[in-house]
N, C-alpha and C. Protein backbone atom coordinates (compact mmCIF):
# COMPACT_ATOMS: atom_id res chain seq x y z
N MET A 1 0.84 -1.18 0.00
CA MET A 1 0.00 0.00 0.00
C MET A 1 0.89 1.24 0.00
N ILE A 2 0.42 2.27 -0.63
CA ILE A 2 1.14 3.54 -0.70
C ILE A 2 1.11 4.21 0.67
N SER A 3 2.27 4.68 1.12
CA SER A 3 2.32 5.42 2.38
C SER A 3 1.68 6.79 2.16
N ARG A 4 0.77 7.16 3.02
CA ARG A 4 0.04 8.42 2.86
C ARG A 4 0.42 9.41 3.94
N GLN A 5 0.49 10.68 3.55
CA GLN A 5 0.80 11.73 4.51
C GLN A 5 -0.29 11.86 5.56
N ALA A 6 -1.50 11.51 5.20
CA ALA A 6 -2.65 11.68 6.11
C ALA A 6 -2.66 10.66 7.25
N THR A 7 -1.91 9.59 7.14
CA THR A 7 -1.95 8.52 8.14
C THR A 7 -1.64 9.03 9.54
N LYS A 8 -0.52 9.71 9.70
CA LYS A 8 -0.12 10.20 11.02
C LYS A 8 -1.14 11.19 11.58
N LYS A 9 -1.62 12.09 10.73
CA LYS A 9 -2.59 13.09 11.17
C LYS A 9 -3.91 12.44 11.56
N LEU A 10 -4.35 11.45 10.79
CA LEU A 10 -5.60 10.76 11.09
C LEU A 10 -5.52 10.04 12.44
N LEU A 11 -4.41 9.39 12.70
CA LEU A 11 -4.24 8.71 13.99
C LEU A 11 -4.23 9.71 15.14
N GLN A 12 -3.59 10.85 14.94
CA GLN A 12 -3.56 11.89 15.96
C GLN A 12 -4.96 12.42 16.24
N LEU A 13 -5.71 12.73 15.19
CA LEU A 13 -7.07 13.24 15.35
C LEU A 13 -8.00 12.21 16.00
N ALA A 14 -7.84 10.95 15.61
CA ALA A 14 -8.69 9.89 16.17
C ALA A 14 -8.46 9.70 17.66
N SER A 15 -7.26 10.02 18.13
CA SER A 15 -7.00 9.89 19.56
C SER A 15 -7.56 11.09 20.35
N GLN A 16 -7.87 12.18 19.65
CA GLN A 16 -8.34 13.39 20.32
C GLN A 16 -9.85 13.57 20.26
N PHE A 17 -10.51 13.02 19.24
CA PHE A 17 -11.94 13.26 19.02
C PHE A 17 -12.71 11.95 18.95
N LYS A 18 -14.03 12.03 19.30
CA LYS A 18 -14.90 10.85 19.23
C LYS A 18 -15.12 10.41 17.79
N ALA A 19 -15.14 11.35 16.87
CA ALA A 19 -15.38 11.03 15.47
C ALA A 19 -14.52 11.92 14.59
N VAL A 20 -14.04 11.36 13.50
CA VAL A 20 -13.24 12.10 12.52
C VAL A 20 -13.80 11.77 11.14
N ALA A 21 -14.10 12.79 10.36
CA ALA A 21 -14.60 12.58 9.00
C ALA A 21 -13.42 12.58 8.03
N VAL A 22 -13.40 11.60 7.16
CA VAL A 22 -12.39 11.54 6.11
C VAL A 22 -13.12 11.83 4.80
N ILE A 23 -12.82 12.96 4.20
CA ILE A 23 -13.50 13.36 2.97
C ILE A 23 -12.49 13.56 1.85
N GLY A 24 -12.97 13.43 0.65
CA GLY A 24 -12.10 13.60 -0.51
C GLY A 24 -12.81 13.14 -1.76
N PRO A 25 -12.16 13.29 -2.89
CA PRO A 25 -12.78 12.90 -4.15
C PRO A 25 -13.01 11.40 -4.25
N ARG A 26 -13.92 11.05 -5.11
CA ARG A 26 -14.22 9.65 -5.40
C ARG A 26 -12.96 8.89 -5.79
N GLN A 27 -12.85 7.65 -5.32
CA GLN A 27 -11.75 6.75 -5.69
C GLN A 27 -10.37 7.27 -5.27
N SER A 28 -10.30 8.07 -4.20
CA SER A 28 -9.01 8.62 -3.79
C SER A 28 -8.35 7.82 -2.66
N GLY A 29 -9.01 6.77 -2.17
CA GLY A 29 -8.41 5.91 -1.16
C GLY A 29 -8.87 6.16 0.27
N LYS A 30 -10.00 6.85 0.44
CA LYS A 30 -10.49 7.16 1.79
C LYS A 30 -10.79 5.88 2.57
N THR A 31 -11.56 5.00 1.99
CA THR A 31 -11.93 3.75 2.68
C THR A 31 -10.70 2.89 2.92
N THR A 32 -9.84 2.79 1.95
CA THR A 32 -8.62 1.99 2.10
C THR A 32 -7.76 2.52 3.24
N LEU A 33 -7.63 3.83 3.33
CA LEU A 33 -6.85 4.44 4.41
C LEU A 33 -7.44 4.10 5.77
N VAL A 34 -8.74 4.30 5.93
CA VAL A 34 -9.38 4.05 7.22
C VAL A 34 -9.31 2.57 7.58
N LYS A 35 -9.59 1.70 6.63
CA LYS A 35 -9.55 0.26 6.92
C LYS A 35 -8.14 -0.22 7.25
N SER A 36 -7.13 0.47 6.76
CA SER A 36 -5.76 0.06 7.06
C SER A 36 -5.36 0.43 8.49
N LEU A 37 -6.05 1.40 9.07
CA LEU A 37 -5.69 1.89 10.40
C LEU A 37 -6.60 1.40 11.52
N PHE A 38 -7.86 1.13 11.20
CA PHE A 38 -8.85 0.78 12.22
C PHE A 38 -9.57 -0.50 11.84
N GLN A 39 -9.90 -1.31 12.85
CA GLN A 39 -10.59 -2.57 12.62
C GLN A 39 -12.09 -2.33 12.68
N VAL A 40 -12.62 -1.72 11.61
CA VAL A 40 -14.05 -1.42 11.54
C VAL A 40 -14.59 -1.95 10.22
N GLU A 41 -15.73 -2.58 10.28
CA GLU A 41 -16.44 -3.05 9.10
C GLU A 41 -17.80 -2.36 9.11
N ILE A 42 -18.23 -1.85 7.97
CA ILE A 42 -19.50 -1.14 7.90
C ILE A 42 -20.46 -1.93 7.01
N LYS A 43 -21.63 -2.25 7.55
CA LYS A 43 -22.64 -3.01 6.83
C LYS A 43 -23.96 -2.25 6.89
N SER A 44 -24.73 -2.26 5.81
CA SER A 44 -25.98 -1.51 5.78
C SER A 44 -27.18 -2.32 6.27
N GLY A 45 -27.07 -3.62 6.34
CA GLY A 45 -28.19 -4.46 6.72
C GLY A 45 -28.63 -4.29 8.16
N LYS A 46 -29.93 -4.50 8.42
CA LYS A 46 -30.48 -4.41 9.77
C LYS A 46 -30.37 -5.74 10.51
N THR A 47 -30.31 -6.84 9.78
CA THR A 47 -30.23 -8.16 10.37
C THR A 47 -28.78 -8.64 10.30
N VAL A 48 -28.28 -9.16 11.41
CA VAL A 48 -26.91 -9.64 11.46
C VAL A 48 -26.81 -10.98 10.74
N HIS A 49 -25.87 -11.06 9.82
CA HIS A 49 -25.60 -12.29 9.09
C HIS A 49 -24.19 -12.74 9.38
N GLN A 50 -23.95 -14.03 9.34
CA GLN A 50 -22.61 -14.57 9.59
C GLN A 50 -21.60 -13.97 8.62
N GLN A 51 -22.02 -13.64 7.42
CA GLN A 51 -21.14 -13.04 6.41
C GLN A 51 -20.57 -11.69 6.87
N PHE A 52 -21.27 -11.00 7.76
CA PHE A 52 -20.79 -9.71 8.29
C PHE A 52 -19.40 -9.85 8.91
N PHE A 53 -19.12 -11.00 9.50
CA PHE A 53 -17.91 -11.20 10.29
C PHE A 53 -16.70 -11.63 9.48
N LYS A 54 -16.92 -12.13 8.28
CA LYS A 54 -15.85 -12.75 7.50
C LYS A 54 -14.62 -11.86 7.32
N ASN A 55 -14.79 -10.67 6.78
CA ASN A 55 -13.65 -9.81 6.49
C ASN A 55 -12.98 -9.30 7.77
N LEU A 56 -13.77 -8.96 8.76
CA LEU A 56 -13.19 -8.45 10.00
C LEU A 56 -12.42 -9.53 10.75
N LEU A 57 -12.96 -10.74 10.80
CA LEU A 57 -12.24 -11.84 11.44
C LEU A 57 -10.93 -12.14 10.72
N TYR A 58 -10.96 -12.06 9.40
CA TYR A 58 -9.74 -12.26 8.60
C TYR A 58 -8.70 -11.19 8.97
N TRP A 59 -9.13 -9.94 9.03
CA TRP A 59 -8.23 -8.84 9.38
C TRP A 59 -7.67 -9.02 10.79
N LEU A 60 -8.50 -9.43 11.73
CA LEU A 60 -8.04 -9.61 13.10
C LEU A 60 -6.98 -10.71 13.17
N ARG A 61 -7.17 -11.78 12.42
CA ARG A 61 -6.16 -12.85 12.38
C ARG A 61 -4.83 -12.32 11.82
N LEU A 62 -4.90 -11.56 10.74
CA LEU A 62 -3.68 -11.03 10.11
C LEU A 62 -2.96 -10.03 11.01
N SER A 63 -3.72 -9.16 11.65
CA SER A 63 -3.13 -8.06 12.42
C SER A 63 -2.72 -8.47 13.84
N GLY A 64 -3.30 -9.58 14.32
CA GLY A 64 -3.02 -9.99 15.69
C GLY A 64 -3.87 -9.27 16.72
N ASN A 65 -4.77 -8.41 16.27
CA ASN A 65 -5.67 -7.72 17.20
C ASN A 65 -6.76 -8.68 17.66
N GLU A 66 -7.31 -8.38 18.83
CA GLU A 66 -8.31 -9.27 19.41
C GLU A 66 -9.73 -8.72 19.36
N SER A 67 -9.90 -7.47 18.93
CA SER A 67 -11.25 -6.91 18.91
C SER A 67 -11.43 -6.00 17.70
N GLY A 68 -12.68 -5.84 17.31
CA GLY A 68 -13.04 -4.97 16.21
C GLY A 68 -14.49 -4.56 16.33
N VAL A 69 -14.92 -3.68 15.44
CA VAL A 69 -16.27 -3.14 15.49
C VAL A 69 -16.92 -3.27 14.12
N ILE A 70 -18.19 -3.67 14.12
CA ILE A 70 -19.01 -3.65 12.91
C ILE A 70 -20.10 -2.63 13.12
N LEU A 71 -20.17 -1.63 12.26
CA LEU A 71 -21.28 -0.69 12.28
C LEU A 71 -22.33 -1.25 11.33
N TYR A 72 -23.58 -1.35 11.81
CA TYR A 72 -24.62 -1.92 10.97
C TYR A 72 -25.92 -1.14 11.13
N GLY A 73 -26.89 -1.44 10.30
CA GLY A 73 -28.15 -0.69 10.27
C GLY A 73 -29.19 -1.13 11.27
N GLY A 74 -28.87 -2.07 12.14
CA GLY A 74 -29.81 -2.55 13.14
C GLY A 74 -29.96 -1.59 14.30
N GLU A 75 -30.66 -2.04 15.32
CA GLU A 75 -30.99 -1.18 16.45
C GLU A 75 -30.19 -1.49 17.71
N GLN A 76 -29.65 -2.69 17.84
CA GLN A 76 -29.06 -3.12 19.10
C GLN A 76 -27.54 -3.14 19.06
N ARG A 77 -26.95 -2.86 20.22
CA ARG A 77 -25.51 -3.04 20.41
C ARG A 77 -25.30 -4.46 20.89
N GLN A 78 -24.34 -5.15 20.31
CA GLN A 78 -24.07 -6.53 20.70
C GLN A 78 -22.58 -6.72 20.87
N GLU A 79 -22.19 -7.41 21.93
CA GLU A 79 -20.80 -7.79 22.11
C GLU A 79 -20.72 -9.30 21.94
N ARG A 80 -19.93 -9.72 20.96
CA ARG A 80 -19.83 -11.13 20.64
C ARG A 80 -18.62 -11.77 21.31
N SER A 81 -18.68 -13.07 21.49
CA SER A 81 -17.59 -13.80 22.16
C SER A 81 -16.32 -13.82 21.31
N ASN A 82 -16.42 -13.54 20.02
CA ASN A 82 -15.25 -13.55 19.15
C ASN A 82 -14.48 -12.23 19.18
N GLY A 83 -14.84 -11.31 20.11
CA GLY A 83 -14.13 -10.05 20.24
C GLY A 83 -14.69 -8.93 19.39
N ILE A 84 -15.76 -9.20 18.67
CA ILE A 84 -16.34 -8.19 17.79
C ILE A 84 -17.56 -7.57 18.46
N THR A 85 -17.64 -6.25 18.39
CA THR A 85 -18.79 -5.52 18.88
C THR A 85 -19.59 -5.02 17.69
N LEU A 86 -20.88 -5.27 17.71
CA LEU A 86 -21.78 -4.72 16.70
C LEU A 86 -22.38 -3.44 17.26
N GLU A 87 -22.23 -2.35 16.54
CA GLU A 87 -22.76 -1.05 16.95
C GLU A 87 -23.76 -0.59 15.90
N SER A 88 -24.88 -0.10 16.35
CA SER A 88 -25.86 0.47 15.43
C SER A 88 -25.41 1.87 15.04
N TRP A 89 -25.28 2.13 13.75
CA TRP A 89 -24.90 3.48 13.35
C TRP A 89 -26.01 4.46 13.71
N ARG A 90 -27.23 3.98 13.79
CA ARG A 90 -28.34 4.85 14.20
C ARG A 90 -28.17 5.30 15.65
N GLN A 91 -27.77 4.37 16.51
CA GLN A 91 -27.54 4.69 17.91
C GLN A 91 -26.40 5.68 18.07
N LEU A 92 -25.34 5.49 17.30
CA LEU A 92 -24.22 6.42 17.36
C LEU A 92 -24.66 7.81 16.93
N ALA A 93 -25.54 7.88 15.94
CA ALA A 93 -26.04 9.20 15.49
C ALA A 93 -26.86 9.86 16.59
N GLU A 94 -27.72 9.08 17.27
CA GLU A 94 -28.53 9.62 18.35
C GLU A 94 -27.68 10.12 19.52
N GLU A 95 -26.56 9.47 19.75
CA GLU A 95 -25.67 9.87 20.85
C GLU A 95 -24.74 11.01 20.45
N GLY A 96 -24.82 11.45 19.20
CA GLY A 96 -24.03 12.58 18.75
C GLY A 96 -22.65 12.24 18.20
N PHE A 97 -22.35 10.96 18.04
CA PHE A 97 -21.04 10.58 17.53
C PHE A 97 -20.86 10.88 16.05
N LEU A 98 -21.95 11.00 15.31
CA LEU A 98 -21.84 11.20 13.87
C LEU A 98 -22.17 12.63 13.45
N GLU A 99 -22.16 13.55 14.39
CA GLU A 99 -22.44 14.95 14.05
C GLU A 99 -21.18 15.69 13.71
């Protein structure tokens, strides 16, 4: 992966604020940058499917990390025994994390 100047700044901002927006032109690597730094998977479905976990579990095995987060369209927060927390993006919006 290409080393990006934004990496250090993004990590610094993420340690200072509850939420950080990464914006830029289409196809400029925003998602790739964020996924390379944080163990987060974003799913639009309201119902949890086993397929939701596939990519995040793969990343956790590669990185050696023990926990990650899936943001999904459902209503409930769930903590799974595999170290993954499911967070409702709707709940985060209500709590002001996405403002």
